[in-house]
């Protein structure tokens, strides 16, 4: 299920890092339509419904640096991440962040008034996706309980 290799993800963040800024964690996440929307689309017609749900899904790489949270919205392409849009949140004035971690997903939401962000990170999204997303969630919320032991 792994979408991208770590080397490709780290390379995708490089153009957006400031001088001497250090990438600490990175994770691959998605924001899908609500499950009832997906079910409704699939109920209309299997293939068109699945296609519509796929087109409505947004794909992200999220990086935590020593200064910012960087969100790269991706184009749906092959093995190399293609950046469509970049958003960043300075850690010094970070909007409220909520997160939760479960067996399959880590959820992170940033409640910014201008550019809110919300995504879920599957444990198999990348080789170390679970660890990186949980460490990022714990660092952004200050909640160490989000660091769930690998099962």
N, C-alpha and C. Protein backbone atom coordinates (compact mmCIF):
# COMPACT_ATOMS: atom_id res chain seq x y z
N UNK A 1 0.81 -1.20 0.00
CA UNK A 1 0.00 0.00 0.00
C UNK A 1 0.86 1.27 0.00
N UNK A 2 2.12 1.16 0.37
CA UNK A 2 2.98 2.33 0.48
C UNK A 2 2.92 3.15 -0.81
N UNK A 3 2.65 4.43 -0.66
CA UNK A 3 2.45 5.29 -1.81
C UNK A 3 3.78 5.83 -2.36
N UNK A 4 4.61 6.36 -1.47
CA UNK A 4 5.87 6.96 -1.89
C UNK A 4 7.02 6.46 -1.02
N UNK A 5 8.21 6.48 -1.57
CA UNK A 5 9.41 6.15 -0.81
C UNK A 5 9.85 7.41 -0.05
N UNK A 6 10.49 7.19 1.10
CA UNK A 6 10.93 8.30 1.94
C UNK A 6 11.81 9.29 1.18
N UNK A 7 12.69 8.78 0.35
CA UNK A 7 13.60 9.65 -0.38
C UNK A 7 12.84 10.63 -1.29
N UNK A 8 11.79 10.14 -1.94
CA UNK A 8 10.99 10.98 -2.83
C UNK A 8 10.22 12.04 -2.05
N UNK A 9 9.75 11.66 -0.87
CA UNK A 9 8.99 12.60 -0.03
C UNK A 9 9.91 13.70 0.50
N UNK A 10 11.07 13.31 1.00
CA UNK A 10 12.03 14.29 1.51
C UNK A 10 12.44 15.24 0.39
N UNK A 11 12.65 14.72 -0.79
CA UNK A 11 13.01 15.56 -1.95
C UNK A 11 11.87 16.52 -2.30
N UNK A 12 10.62 16.09 -2.14
CA UNK A 12 9.48 16.96 -2.44
C UNK A 12 9.42 18.16 -1.51
N UNK A 13 9.89 18.00 -0.27
CA UNK A 13 9.87 19.11 0.69
C UNK A 13 11.04 20.08 0.50
N UNK A 14 12.13 19.64 -0.07
CA UNK A 14 13.34 20.45 -0.16
C UNK A 14 13.14 21.85 -0.73
N UNK A 15 12.39 22.03 -1.83
CA UNK A 15 12.24 23.39 -2.38
C UNK A 15 11.48 24.34 -1.45
N UNK A 16 10.76 23.82 -0.48
CA UNK A 16 9.92 24.64 0.38
C UNK A 16 10.54 24.90 1.75
N UNK A 17 11.71 24.33 2.00
CA UNK A 17 12.39 24.56 3.27
C UNK A 17 13.17 25.87 3.24
N UNK A 18 13.15 26.58 4.36
CA UNK A 18 13.92 27.81 4.48
C UNK A 18 15.37 27.45 4.79
N UNK A 19 16.30 28.38 4.59
CA UNK A 19 17.70 28.09 4.91
C UNK A 19 17.84 27.60 6.36
N UNK A 20 18.57 26.55 6.56
CA UNK A 20 18.83 25.95 7.87
C UNK A 20 17.59 25.35 8.54
N UNK A 21 16.48 25.24 7.83
CA UNK A 21 15.28 24.61 8.40
C UNK A 21 15.44 23.09 8.28
N UNK A 22 15.02 22.37 9.29
CA UNK A 22 15.24 20.93 9.34
C UNK A 22 13.89 20.20 9.35
N UNK A 23 13.71 19.26 8.43
CA UNK A 23 12.51 18.43 8.36
C UNK A 23 12.63 17.34 9.44
N UNK A 24 11.67 17.31 10.36
CA UNK A 24 11.70 16.36 11.48
C UNK A 24 10.86 15.12 11.17
N UNK A 25 9.61 15.34 10.78
CA UNK A 25 8.69 14.24 10.45
C UNK A 25 8.00 14.53 9.13
N UNK A 26 7.60 13.48 8.44
CA UNK A 26 6.84 13.62 7.20
C UNK A 26 5.89 12.43 7.09
N UNK A 27 4.70 12.68 6.55
CA UNK A 27 3.71 11.62 6.43
C UNK A 27 2.82 11.86 5.22
N UNK A 28 2.27 10.77 4.71
CA UNK A 28 1.35 10.79 3.56
C UNK A 28 -0.06 10.63 4.11
N UNK A 29 -0.95 11.56 3.75
CA UNK A 29 -2.32 11.50 4.24
C UNK A 29 -3.33 11.79 3.16
N UNK A 30 -4.58 11.50 3.46
CA UNK A 30 -5.68 11.75 2.53
C UNK A 30 -6.85 12.39 3.26
N UNK A 31 -7.67 13.09 2.51
CA UNK A 31 -8.94 13.58 3.01
C UNK A 31 -10.00 13.09 2.04
N UNK A 32 -10.79 12.15 2.52
CA UNK A 32 -11.83 11.56 1.68
C UNK A 32 -13.18 12.19 1.98
N UNK A 33 -14.11 12.09 1.05
CA UNK A 33 -15.46 12.55 1.34
C UNK A 33 -16.04 11.70 2.48
N UNK A 34 -17.05 12.22 3.13
CA UNK A 34 -17.72 11.49 4.21
C UNK A 34 -18.17 10.12 3.71
N UNK A 35 -18.13 9.13 4.58
CA UNK A 35 -18.47 7.75 4.20
C UNK A 35 -19.87 7.63 3.60
N UNK A 36 -20.81 8.43 4.06
CA UNK A 36 -22.17 8.37 3.49
C UNK A 36 -22.20 8.91 2.06
N UNK A 37 -21.36 9.90 1.78
CA UNK A 37 -21.25 10.41 0.40
C UNK A 37 -20.68 9.33 -0.50
N UNK A 38 -19.63 8.67 -0.03
CA UNK A 38 -19.03 7.59 -0.80
C UNK A 38 -20.05 6.47 -1.04
N UNK A 39 -20.76 6.07 0.02
CA UNK A 39 -21.75 5.00 -0.11
C UNK A 39 -22.85 5.39 -1.09
N UNK A 40 -23.28 6.64 -1.03
CA UNK A 40 -24.32 7.11 -1.95
C UNK A 40 -23.85 7.09 -3.39
N UNK A 41 -22.62 7.53 -3.62
CA UNK A 41 -22.07 7.52 -4.97
C UNK A 41 -21.92 6.11 -5.50
N UNK A 42 -21.43 5.21 -4.65
CA UNK A 42 -21.25 3.83 -5.08
C UNK A 42 -22.60 3.18 -5.34
N UNK A 43 -23.62 3.51 -4.54
CA UNK A 43 -24.95 2.94 -4.72
C UNK A 43 -25.56 3.35 -6.06
N UNK A 44 -25.24 4.54 -6.53
CA UNK A 44 -25.78 5.00 -7.80
C UNK A 44 -25.31 4.11 -8.95
N UNK A 45 -24.06 3.82 -8.95
CA UNK A 45 -23.48 2.94 -9.96
C UNK A 45 -22.07 2.63 -9.51
N UNK A 46 -21.72 1.39 -9.47
CA UNK A 46 -20.45 0.97 -8.88
C UNK A 46 -19.25 1.70 -9.49
N UNK A 47 -18.99 1.54 -10.76
CA UNK A 47 -17.79 2.12 -11.35
C UNK A 47 -17.80 3.64 -11.34
N UNK A 48 -18.87 4.29 -11.80
CA UNK A 48 -18.86 5.76 -11.72
C UNK A 48 -18.79 6.27 -10.27
N UNK A 49 -19.40 5.55 -9.34
CA UNK A 49 -19.37 5.95 -7.93
C UNK A 49 -17.98 5.88 -7.35
N UNK A 50 -17.28 4.80 -7.64
CA UNK A 50 -15.90 4.65 -7.16
C UNK A 50 -15.02 5.71 -7.80
N UNK A 51 -15.20 5.97 -9.07
CA UNK A 51 -14.43 7.00 -9.77
C UNK A 51 -14.70 8.38 -9.17
N UNK A 52 -15.96 8.70 -8.91
CA UNK A 52 -16.30 9.99 -8.32
C UNK A 52 -15.70 10.14 -6.93
N UNK A 53 -15.77 9.10 -6.11
CA UNK A 53 -15.18 9.15 -4.77
C UNK A 53 -13.68 9.34 -4.85
N UNK A 54 -13.04 8.68 -5.79
CA UNK A 54 -11.59 8.83 -5.97
C UNK A 54 -11.24 10.26 -6.38
N UNK A 55 -12.02 10.83 -7.26
CA UNK A 55 -11.76 12.20 -7.71
C UNK A 55 -11.99 13.22 -6.60
N UNK A 56 -12.86 12.90 -5.65
CA UNK A 56 -13.14 13.80 -4.54
C UNK A 56 -12.12 13.68 -3.41
N UNK A 57 -11.29 12.65 -3.44
CA UNK A 57 -10.27 12.45 -2.42
C UNK A 57 -9.09 13.37 -2.67
N UNK A 58 -8.58 13.99 -1.59
CA UNK A 58 -7.42 14.87 -1.68
C UNK A 58 -6.23 14.17 -1.05
N UNK A 59 -5.06 14.34 -1.64
CA UNK A 59 -3.85 13.65 -1.21
C UNK A 59 -2.82 14.67 -0.72
N UNK A 60 -2.17 14.35 0.41
CA UNK A 60 -1.25 15.30 1.03
C UNK A 60 0.04 14.64 1.48
N UNK A 61 1.09 15.43 1.50
CA UNK A 61 2.30 15.13 2.26
C UNK A 61 2.38 16.24 3.29
N UNK A 62 2.57 15.86 4.54
CA UNK A 62 2.66 16.84 5.61
C UNK A 62 4.02 16.68 6.27
N UNK A 63 4.70 17.79 6.45
CA UNK A 63 6.01 17.77 7.07
C UNK A 63 6.05 18.68 8.29
N UNK A 64 6.67 18.20 9.34
CA UNK A 64 6.91 19.00 10.53
C UNK A 64 8.38 19.36 10.54
N UNK A 65 8.67 20.65 10.58
CA UNK A 65 10.05 21.10 10.66
C UNK A 65 10.28 21.70 12.05
N UNK A 66 11.47 22.23 12.25
CA UNK A 66 11.75 22.88 13.53
C UNK A 66 11.10 24.26 13.62
N UNK A 67 10.44 24.73 12.52
CA UNK A 67 9.81 26.05 12.50
C UNK A 67 8.34 26.04 12.08
N UNK A 68 7.96 25.06 11.24
CA UNK A 68 6.63 25.10 10.61
C UNK A 68 6.04 23.71 10.41
N UNK A 69 4.75 23.73 10.09
CA UNK A 69 4.09 22.56 9.53
C UNK A 69 3.87 22.91 8.06
N UNK A 70 4.36 22.07 7.16
CA UNK A 70 4.22 22.32 5.73
C UNK A 70 3.29 21.27 5.16
N UNK A 71 2.24 21.72 4.46
CA UNK A 71 1.27 20.83 3.84
C UNK A 71 1.40 20.95 2.33
N UNK A 72 1.75 19.83 1.69
CA UNK A 72 1.84 19.78 0.23
C UNK A 72 0.62 19.03 -0.30
N UNK A 73 -0.26 19.74 -0.97
CA UNK A 73 -1.39 19.09 -1.62
C UNK A 73 -0.87 18.54 -2.95
N UNK A 74 -1.18 17.28 -3.22
CA UNK A 74 -0.58 16.60 -4.36
C UNK A 74 -1.54 16.42 -5.52
N UNK A 75 -0.96 16.39 -6.71
CA UNK A 75 -1.68 15.94 -7.90
C UNK A 75 -1.64 14.42 -7.86
N UNK A 76 -2.66 13.78 -8.37
CA UNK A 76 -2.67 12.31 -8.40
C UNK A 76 -1.88 11.87 -9.62
N UNK A 77 -0.67 11.39 -9.34
CA UNK A 77 0.21 10.93 -10.42
C UNK A 77 0.94 9.68 -9.98
N UNK A 78 2.02 9.37 -10.64
CA UNK A 78 2.77 8.14 -10.41
C UNK A 78 3.55 8.07 -9.12
N UNK A 79 4.76 7.57 -9.20
CA UNK A 79 5.59 7.28 -8.03
C UNK A 79 6.31 8.49 -7.44
N UNK A 80 6.33 9.60 -8.18
CA UNK A 80 6.98 10.80 -7.68
C UNK A 80 5.92 11.82 -7.30
N UNK A 81 5.98 12.35 -6.07
CA UNK A 81 4.97 13.34 -5.66
C UNK A 81 5.04 14.60 -6.51
N UNK A 82 3.91 15.03 -7.02
CA UNK A 82 3.80 16.26 -7.80
C UNK A 82 2.97 17.25 -7.00
N UNK A 83 3.58 18.34 -6.58
CA UNK A 83 2.93 19.31 -5.70
C UNK A 83 2.00 20.21 -6.49
N UNK A 84 0.78 20.32 -5.98
CA UNK A 84 -0.25 21.14 -6.60
C UNK A 84 -0.40 22.48 -5.85
N UNK A 85 -0.26 22.42 -4.51
CA UNK A 85 -0.47 23.60 -3.68
C UNK A 85 0.32 23.44 -2.37
N UNK A 86 0.81 24.54 -1.82
CA UNK A 86 1.59 24.50 -0.58
C UNK A 86 0.94 25.43 0.45
N UNK A 87 0.79 24.93 1.66
CA UNK A 87 0.31 25.71 2.79
C UNK A 87 1.27 25.46 3.94
N UNK A 88 1.54 26.51 4.71
CA UNK A 88 2.37 26.29 5.89
C UNK A 88 1.80 27.03 7.08
N UNK A 89 2.11 26.51 8.25
CA UNK A 89 1.66 27.07 9.52
C UNK A 89 2.89 27.22 10.41
N UNK A 90 3.18 28.43 10.83
CA UNK A 90 4.33 28.67 11.70
C UNK A 90 4.04 28.09 13.09
N UNK A 91 5.02 27.40 13.65
CA UNK A 91 4.85 26.82 14.98
C UNK A 91 4.70 27.90 16.04
N UNK A 92 5.31 29.08 15.81
CA UNK A 92 5.25 30.16 16.79
C UNK A 92 3.82 30.67 17.00
N UNK A 93 2.99 30.61 15.96
CA UNK A 93 1.60 31.06 16.09
C UNK A 93 0.65 30.04 15.45
N UNK A 94 0.83 28.79 15.85
CA UNK A 94 0.05 27.68 15.31
C UNK A 94 -1.40 27.75 15.79
N UNK A 95 -2.36 27.64 14.86
CA UNK A 95 -3.76 27.57 15.26
C UNK A 95 -4.00 26.29 16.08
N UNK A 96 -5.17 26.18 16.72
CA UNK A 96 -5.45 24.98 17.49
C UNK A 96 -5.38 23.71 16.63
N UNK A 97 -4.75 22.68 17.19
CA UNK A 97 -4.59 21.40 16.50
C UNK A 97 -5.27 20.32 17.33
N UNK A 98 -6.05 19.46 16.65
CA UNK A 98 -6.61 18.29 17.30
C UNK A 98 -6.09 17.06 16.57
N UNK A 99 -5.94 15.98 17.31
CA UNK A 99 -5.43 14.76 16.71
C UNK A 99 -5.93 13.57 17.50
N UNK A 100 -6.00 12.45 16.82
CA UNK A 100 -6.29 11.19 17.49
C UNK A 100 -5.58 10.09 16.73
N UNK A 101 -5.27 9.03 17.44
CA UNK A 101 -4.53 7.93 16.84
C UNK A 101 -5.21 6.62 17.19
N UNK A 102 -5.38 5.78 16.18
CA UNK A 102 -6.01 4.48 16.38
C UNK A 102 -5.16 3.39 15.76
N UNK A 103 -5.77 2.22 15.58
CA UNK A 103 -5.03 1.07 15.05
C UNK A 103 -4.64 1.25 13.59
N UNK A 104 -5.50 1.89 12.79
CA UNK A 104 -5.20 2.06 11.37
C UNK A 104 -4.80 3.48 11.00
N UNK A 105 -5.44 4.46 11.60
CA UNK A 105 -5.27 5.85 11.17
C UNK A 105 -4.83 6.75 12.31
N UNK A 106 -4.06 7.77 11.94
CA UNK A 106 -3.81 8.92 12.80
C UNK A 106 -4.51 10.08 12.11
N UNK A 107 -5.33 10.82 12.84
CA UNK A 107 -6.06 11.96 12.30
C UNK A 107 -5.45 13.24 12.85
N UNK A 108 -5.22 14.22 11.97
CA UNK A 108 -4.70 15.52 12.39
C UNK A 108 -5.56 16.60 11.73
N UNK A 109 -5.98 17.59 12.55
CA UNK A 109 -6.76 18.71 12.04
C UNK A 109 -6.18 20.01 12.60
N UNK A 110 -5.99 20.98 11.73
CA UNK A 110 -5.51 22.31 12.12
C UNK A 110 -6.65 23.28 11.87
N UNK A 111 -7.13 23.91 12.94
CA UNK A 111 -8.32 24.78 12.87
C UNK A 111 -7.92 26.22 12.59
N UNK A 112 -7.39 26.44 11.41
CA UNK A 112 -7.02 27.79 10.99
C UNK A 112 -8.23 28.44 10.33
N UNK A 113 -8.44 29.73 10.61
CA UNK A 113 -9.60 30.43 10.05
C UNK A 113 -9.52 30.56 8.53
N UNK A 114 -8.32 30.85 8.02
CA UNK A 114 -8.16 31.08 6.58
C UNK A 114 -7.94 29.80 5.79
N UNK A 115 -7.08 28.91 6.28
CA UNK A 115 -6.77 27.68 5.56
C UNK A 115 -6.79 26.48 6.51
N UNK A 116 -7.98 26.02 6.87
CA UNK A 116 -8.04 24.85 7.75
C UNK A 116 -7.52 23.61 7.04
N UNK A 117 -7.02 22.67 7.82
CA UNK A 117 -6.49 21.43 7.26
C UNK A 117 -6.98 20.26 8.09
N UNK A 118 -7.31 19.17 7.39
CA UNK A 118 -7.75 17.96 8.05
C UNK A 118 -7.41 16.78 7.14
N UNK A 119 -6.76 15.76 7.72
CA UNK A 119 -6.43 14.57 6.94
C UNK A 119 -6.25 13.38 7.87
N UNK A 120 -6.30 12.20 7.27
CA UNK A 120 -6.01 10.98 8.02
C UNK A 120 -4.83 10.30 7.36
N UNK A 121 -4.02 9.65 8.21
CA UNK A 121 -2.77 9.06 7.79
C UNK A 121 -2.83 7.56 8.09
N UNK A 122 -2.90 6.75 7.06
CA UNK A 122 -2.98 5.29 7.23
C UNK A 122 -1.63 4.77 7.67
N UNK A 123 -1.64 3.79 8.54
CA UNK A 123 -0.39 3.25 9.06
C UNK A 123 0.51 2.68 7.97
N UNK A 124 -0.08 2.28 6.84
CA UNK A 124 0.71 1.72 5.74
C UNK A 124 0.88 2.69 4.58
N UNK A 125 0.59 3.97 4.80
CA UNK A 125 0.70 4.97 3.73
C UNK A 125 2.11 5.08 3.18
N UNK A 126 3.09 4.93 4.04
CA UNK A 126 4.50 4.89 3.67
C UNK A 126 5.18 3.97 4.68
N UNK A 127 6.44 3.68 4.45
CA UNK A 127 7.15 2.74 5.32
C UNK A 127 7.06 3.12 6.79
N UNK A 128 7.30 4.38 7.14
CA UNK A 128 7.27 4.85 8.53
C UNK A 128 6.11 5.82 8.77
N UNK A 129 5.03 5.69 8.01
CA UNK A 129 3.92 6.64 8.09
C UNK A 129 3.30 6.68 9.49
N UNK A 130 3.13 5.53 10.10
CA UNK A 130 2.51 5.47 11.43
C UNK A 130 3.36 6.23 12.45
N UNK A 131 4.64 5.93 12.48
CA UNK A 131 5.52 6.59 13.45
C UNK A 131 5.58 8.09 13.21
N UNK A 132 5.80 8.49 11.96
CA UNK A 132 5.92 9.91 11.65
C UNK A 132 4.62 10.67 11.95
N UNK A 133 3.49 10.12 11.57
CA UNK A 133 2.22 10.83 11.80
C UNK A 133 1.90 10.91 13.28
N UNK A 134 2.19 9.86 14.04
CA UNK A 134 1.94 9.91 15.48
C UNK A 134 2.88 10.89 16.18
N UNK A 135 4.15 10.88 15.81
CA UNK A 135 5.10 11.83 16.41
C UNK A 135 4.71 13.27 16.07
N UNK A 136 4.25 13.50 14.84
CA UNK A 136 3.80 14.82 14.44
C UNK A 136 2.58 15.24 15.25
N UNK A 137 1.61 14.34 15.38
CA UNK A 137 0.40 14.63 16.14
C UNK A 137 0.74 14.95 17.60
N UNK A 138 1.62 14.17 18.19
CA UNK A 138 2.02 14.38 19.59
C UNK A 138 2.74 15.71 19.76
N UNK A 139 3.62 16.04 18.81
CA UNK A 139 4.37 17.29 18.90
C UNK A 139 3.44 18.51 18.74
N UNK A 140 2.46 18.42 17.86
CA UNK A 140 1.58 19.56 17.59
C UNK A 140 0.54 19.77 18.68
N UNK A 141 0.14 18.71 19.34
CA UNK A 141 -0.89 18.83 20.39
C UNK A 141 -0.31 18.81 21.80
N UNK A 142 0.90 18.30 21.94
CA UNK A 142 1.49 18.14 23.26
C UNK A 142 0.97 16.91 23.99
N UNK A 143 0.24 16.06 23.29
CA UNK A 143 -0.38 14.86 23.88
C UNK A 143 0.47 13.63 23.55
N UNK A 144 1.29 13.20 24.49
CA UNK A 144 2.17 12.04 24.27
C UNK A 144 1.40 10.72 24.19
N UNK A 145 0.15 10.71 24.61
CA UNK A 145 -0.64 9.47 24.53
C UNK A 145 -0.95 9.09 23.09
N UNK A 146 -0.72 10.01 22.15
CA UNK A 146 -0.96 9.71 20.73
C UNK A 146 0.11 8.79 20.16
N UNK A 147 1.18 8.59 20.89
CA UNK A 147 2.24 7.69 20.46
C UNK A 147 1.85 6.27 20.85
N UNK A 148 1.04 5.63 20.01
CA UNK A 148 0.54 4.28 20.27
C UNK A 148 1.61 3.28 19.86
N UNK A 149 1.87 2.30 20.67
CA UNK A 149 2.86 1.30 20.33
C UNK A 149 2.43 0.54 19.09
N UNK A 150 3.38 0.23 18.23
CA UNK A 150 3.09 -0.52 17.00
C UNK A 150 2.55 -1.89 17.35
N UNK A 151 1.50 -2.27 16.64
CA UNK A 151 0.87 -3.57 16.91
C UNK A 151 1.27 -4.57 15.86
